Amino acid sequence: MSKKEWPLWEVFIRSKAGLNHKHVGSLRAADATMAVENARDVYTRRSEGISIWVVESMNIHASDPAEADSLFEPADSKVYRHPTFYDVPDGISHM
Protein backbone atom coordinates (compact mmCIF):
# COMPACT_ATOMS: atom_id res chain seq x y z
CA MET A 1 0.00 0.00 0.00
CA SER A 2 1.56 3.31 -1.07
CA LYS A 3 1.27 6.49 0.95
CA LYS A 4 -0.08 9.54 -0.81
CA GLU A 5 0.94 12.94 0.51
CA TRP A 6 -1.57 15.70 0.91
CA PRO A 7 -1.15 18.57 -1.55
CA LEU A 8 1.14 21.48 -0.69
CA TRP A 9 -0.61 24.84 -0.14
CA GLU A 10 0.92 28.34 -0.14
CA VAL A 11 -0.45 30.62 2.58
CA PHE A 12 -0.99 34.38 2.28
CA ILE A 13 -2.08 36.55 5.23
CA ARG A 14 -3.45 40.10 5.26
CA SER A 15 -2.47 41.63 8.59
CA LYS A 16 -4.67 44.76 8.49
CA ALA A 17 -7.44 46.20 6.34
CA GLY A 18 -6.03 48.07 3.37
CA LEU A 19 -2.76 46.11 3.26
CA ASN A 20 -1.78 43.46 0.75
CA HIS A 21 -1.75 39.76 1.46
CA LYS A 22 1.81 38.52 2.04
CA HIS A 23 3.19 35.04 1.57
CA VAL A 24 3.97 33.61 5.01
CA GLY A 25 4.70 29.97 4.29
CA SER A 26 3.48 26.61 3.10
CA LEU A 27 1.64 23.65 4.58
CA ARG A 28 0.09 20.36 3.57
CA ALA A 29 -3.64 19.77 3.82
CA ALA A 30 -6.22 17.43 2.32
CA ASP A 31 -8.41 20.25 0.93
CA ALA A 32 -8.89 24.03 0.89
CA THR A 33 -11.02 24.10 4.05
CA MET A 34 -8.41 22.20 6.01
CA ALA A 35 -5.67 24.41 4.55
CA VAL A 36 -7.42 27.60 5.75
CA GLU A 37 -7.98 26.14 9.22
CA ASN A 38 -4.40 24.90 9.50
CA ALA A 39 -3.07 28.24 8.20
CA ARG A 40 -5.10 30.03 10.87
CA ASP A 41 -3.67 27.76 13.57
CA VAL A 42 -0.07 27.94 12.36
CA TYR A 43 0.33 31.49 11.02
CA THR A 44 -2.10 33.65 13.02
CA ARG A 45 -1.64 32.50 16.61
CA ARG A 46 -1.52 36.03 17.99
CA SER A 47 -4.37 37.54 15.96
CA GLU A 48 -1.94 38.84 13.32
CA GLY A 49 -4.35 38.49 10.44
CA ILE A 50 -7.76 39.52 9.20
CA SER A 51 -7.78 37.45 6.00
CA ILE A 52 -6.19 34.19 4.82
CA TRP A 53 -5.68 33.01 1.26
CA VAL A 54 -4.51 29.50 0.45
CA VAL A 55 -3.46 28.42 -3.03
CA GLU A 56 -2.54 24.91 -4.01
CA SER A 57 1.12 25.12 -5.01
CA MET A 58 0.58 23.18 -8.23
CA ASN A 59 -1.68 26.03 -9.43
CA ILE A 60 1.01 28.70 -9.17
CA HIS A 61 2.87 29.43 -12.38
CA ALA A 62 5.93 31.66 -12.42
CA SER A 63 8.34 33.16 -14.88
CA ASP A 64 11.89 31.87 -15.11
CA PRO A 65 14.38 34.31 -13.53
CA ALA A 66 16.88 33.37 -16.26
CA GLU A 67 14.49 34.87 -18.81
CA ALA A 68 13.95 38.15 -16.93
CA ASP A 69 15.83 40.25 -19.50
CA SER A 70 13.63 39.21 -22.41
CA LEU A 71 10.45 39.25 -20.31
CA PHE A 72 10.88 42.75 -18.89
CA GLU A 73 12.84 44.39 -21.73
CA PRO A 74 9.78 45.79 -23.53
CA ALA A 75 8.93 47.90 -20.48
CA ASP A 76 12.41 49.45 -20.43
CA SER A 77 12.10 50.58 -24.05
CA LYS A 78 9.02 52.71 -23.29
CA VAL A 79 10.54 55.86 -21.82
CA TYR A 80 7.15 57.46 -21.27
CA ARG A 81 6.60 54.98 -18.45
CA HIS A 82 9.52 56.49 -16.55
CA PRO A 83 8.79 60.04 -15.35
CA THR A 84 12.45 61.06 -15.34
CA PHE A 85 12.07 63.78 -17.97
CA TYR A 86 9.18 65.64 -16.33
CA ASP A 87 9.80 68.91 -14.51
CA VAL A 88 8.49 68.86 -10.95
CA PRO A 89 7.01 72.25 -9.99
CA ASP A 90 8.43 74.10 -7.01
CA GLY A 91 6.50 73.49 -3.82
CA ILE A 92 5.93 69.77 -4.45
CA SER A 93 8.24 68.04 -2.04
CA HIS A 94 7.05 64.43 -1.79
CA MET A 95 6.43 63.06 -5.21
C-alpha atoms as a PDB file:
ATOM      1  CA  MET A   1       0.000   0.000   0.000  1.00  0.00           C
ATOM      2  CA  SER A   2       1.562   3.314  -1.068  1.00  0.00           C
ATOM      3  CA  LYS A   3       1.267   6.485   0.955  1.00  0.00           C
ATOM      4  CA  LYS A   4      -0.083   9.535  -0.815  1.00  0.00           C
ATOM      5  CA  GLU A   5       0.945  12.941   0.513  1.00  0.00           C
ATOM      6  CA  TRP A   6      -1.574  15.696   0.911  1.00  0.00           C
ATOM      7  CA  PRO A   7      -1.148  18.575  -1.548  1.00  0.00           C
ATOM      8  CA  LEU A   8       1.138  21.484  -0.695  1.00  0.00           C
ATOM      9  CA  TRP A   9      -0.607  24.838  -0.137  1.00  0.00           C
ATOM     10  CA  GLU A  10       0.920  28.336  -0.144  1.00  0.00           C
ATOM     11  CA  VAL A  11      -0.445  30.623   2.577  1.00  0.00           C
ATOM     12  CA  PHE A  12      -0.993  34.382   2.277  1.00  0.00           C
ATOM     13  CA  ILE A  13      -2.079  36.550   5.230  1.00  0.00           C
ATOM     14  CA  ARG A  14      -3.454  40.097   5.265  1.00  0.00           C
ATOM     15  CA  SER A  15      -2.469  41.629   8.589  1.00  0.00           C
ATOM     16  CA  LYS A  16      -4.668  44.757   8.494  1.00  0.00           C
ATOM     17  CA  ALA A  17      -7.438  46.202   6.345  1.00  0.00           C
ATOM     18  CA  GLY A  18      -6.033  48.071   3.371  1.00  0.00           C
ATOM     19  CA  LEU A  19      -2.761  46.111   3.264  1.00  0.00           C
ATOM     20  CA  ASN A  20      -1.777  43.464   0.745  1.00  0.00           C
ATOM     21  CA  HIS A  21      -1.755  39.762   1.455  1.00  0.00           C
ATOM     22  CA  LYS A  22       1.814  38.521   2.045  1.00  0.00           C
ATOM     23  CA  HIS A  23       3.186  35.042   1.571  1.00  0.00           C
ATOM     24  CA  VAL A  24       3.966  33.607   5.007  1.00  0.00           C
ATOM     25  CA  GLY A  25       4.700  29.968   4.290  1.00  0.00           C
ATOM     26  CA  SER A  26       3.476  26.608   3.105  1.00  0.00           C
ATOM     27  CA  LEU A  27       1.636  23.654   4.581  1.00  0.00           C
ATOM     28  CA  ARG A  28       0.093  20.362   3.573  1.00  0.00           C
ATOM     29  CA  ALA A  29      -3.642  19.774   3.816  1.00  0.00           C
ATOM     30  CA  ALA A  30      -6.225  17.434   2.322  1.00  0.00           C
ATOM     31  CA  ASP A  31      -8.414  20.246   0.927  1.00  0.00           C
ATOM     32  CA  ALA A  32      -8.885  24.028   0.888  1.00  0.00           C
ATOM     33  CA  THR A  33     -11.018  24.104   4.050  1.00  0.00           C
ATOM     34  CA  MET A  34      -8.406  22.204   6.015  1.00  0.00           C
ATOM     35  CA  ALA A  35      -5.666  24.412   4.546  1.00  0.00           C
ATOM     36  CA  VAL A  36      -7.419  27.601   5.747  1.00  0.00           C
ATOM     37  CA  GLU A  37      -7.984  26.140   9.216  1.00  0.00           C
ATOM     38  CA  ASN A  38      -4.397  24.903   9.496  1.00  0.00           C
ATOM     39  CA  ALA A  39      -3.066  28.241   8.203  1.00  0.00           C
ATOM     40  CA  ARG A  40      -5.095  30.030  10.871  1.00  0.00           C
ATOM     41  CA  ASP A  41      -3.673  27.760  13.573  1.00  0.00           C
ATOM     42  CA  VAL A  42      -0.073  27.940  12.361  1.00  0.00           C
ATOM     43  CA  TYR A  43       0.331  31.491  11.019  1.00  0.00           C
ATOM     44  CA  THR A  44      -2.104  33.653  13.024  1.00  0.00           C
ATOM     45  CA  ARG A  45      -1.635  32.498  16.608  1.00  0.00           C
ATOM     46  CA  ARG A  46      -1.515  36.033  17.988  1.00  0.00           C
ATOM     47  CA  SER A  47      -4.370  37.541  15.963  1.00  0.00           C
ATOM     48  CA  GLU A  48      -1.940  38.840  13.321  1.00  0.00           C
ATOM     49  CA  GLY A  49      -4.351  38.490  10.443  1.00  0.00           C
ATOM     50  CA  ILE A  50      -7.758  39.518   9.198  1.00  0.00           C
ATOM     51  CA  SER A  51      -7.778  37.450   5.998  1.00  0.00           C
ATOM     52  CA  ILE A  52      -6.189  34.195   4.820  1.00  0.00           C
ATOM     53  CA  TRP A  53      -5.682  33.012   1.263  1.00  0.00           C
ATOM     54  CA  VAL A  54      -4.507  29.499   0.450  1.00  0.00           C
ATOM     55  CA  VAL A  55      -3.463  28.419  -3.035  1.00  0.00           C
ATOM     56  CA  GLU A  56      -2.540  24.909  -4.010  1.00  0.00           C
ATOM     57  CA  SER A  57       1.122  25.120  -5.014  1.00  0.00           C
ATOM     58  CA  MET A  58       0.583  23.176  -8.226  1.00  0.00           C
ATOM     59  CA  ASN A  59      -1.684  26.027  -9.433  1.00  0.00           C
ATOM     60  CA  ILE A  60       1.012  28.695  -9.172  1.00  0.00           C
ATOM     61  CA  HIS A  61       2.870  29.429 -12.379  1.00  0.00           C
ATOM     62  CA  ALA A  62       5.930  31.660 -12.416  1.00  0.00           C
ATOM     63  CA  SER A  63       8.338  33.164 -14.881  1.00  0.00           C
ATOM     64  CA  ASP A  64      11.890  31.867 -15.114  1.00  0.00           C
ATOM     65  CA  PRO A  65      14.376  34.310 -13.529  1.00  0.00           C
ATOM     66  CA  ALA A  66      16.877  33.366 -16.257  1.00  0.00           C
ATOM     67  CA  GLU A  67      14.488  34.871 -18.813  1.00  0.00           C
ATOM     68  CA  ALA A  68      13.951  38.149 -16.929  1.00  0.00           C
ATOM     69  CA  ASP A  69      15.832  40.245 -19.504  1.00  0.00           C
ATOM     70  CA  SER A  70      13.626  39.211 -22.409  1.00  0.00           C
ATOM     71  CA  LEU A  71      10.452  39.250 -20.314  1.00  0.00           C
ATOM     72  CA  PHE A  72      10.877  42.753 -18.889  1.00  0.00           C
ATOM     73  CA  GLU A  73      12.842  44.386 -21.730  1.00  0.00           C
ATOM     74  CA  PRO A  74       9.785  45.785 -23.533  1.00  0.00           C
ATOM     75  CA  ALA A  75       8.928  47.903 -20.483  1.00  0.00           C
ATOM     76  CA  ASP A  76      12.411  49.452 -20.434  1.00  0.00           C
ATOM     77  CA  SER A  77      12.105  50.585 -24.052  1.00  0.00           C
ATOM     78  CA  LYS A  78       9.018  52.712 -23.294  1.00  0.00           C
ATOM     79  CA  VAL A  79      10.538  55.857 -21.816  1.00  0.00           C
ATOM     80  CA  TYR A  80       7.150  57.459 -21.275  1.00  0.00           C
ATOM     81  CA  ARG A  81       6.604  54.975 -18.449  1.00  0.00           C
ATOM     82  CA  HIS A  82       9.525  56.493 -16.548  1.00  0.00           C
ATOM     83  CA  PRO A  83       8.789  60.044 -15.352  1.00  0.00           C
ATOM     84  CA  THR A  84      12.453  61.061 -15.345  1.00  0.00           C
ATOM     85  CA  PHE A  85      12.070  63.783 -17.969  1.00  0.00           C
ATOM     86  CA  TYR A  86       9.177  65.644 -16.335  1.00  0.00           C
ATOM     87  CA  ASP A  87       9.798  68.911 -14.510  1.00  0.00           C
ATOM     88  CA  VAL A  88       8.489  68.864 -10.946  1.00  0.00           C
ATOM     89  CA  PRO A  89       7.009  72.251  -9.989  1.00  0.00           C
ATOM     90  CA  ASP A  90       8.427  74.096  -7.008  1.00  0.00           C
ATOM     91  CA  GLY A  91       6.502  73.490  -3.822  1.00  0.00           C
ATOM     92  CA  ILE A  92       5.931  69.773  -4.450  1.00  0.00           C
ATOM     93  CA  SER A  93       8.240  68.039  -2.040  1.00  0.00           C
ATOM     94  CA  HIS A  94       7.051  64.435  -1.786  1.00  0.00           C
ATOM     95  CA  MET A  95       6.435  63.061  -5.211  1.00  0.00           C
END
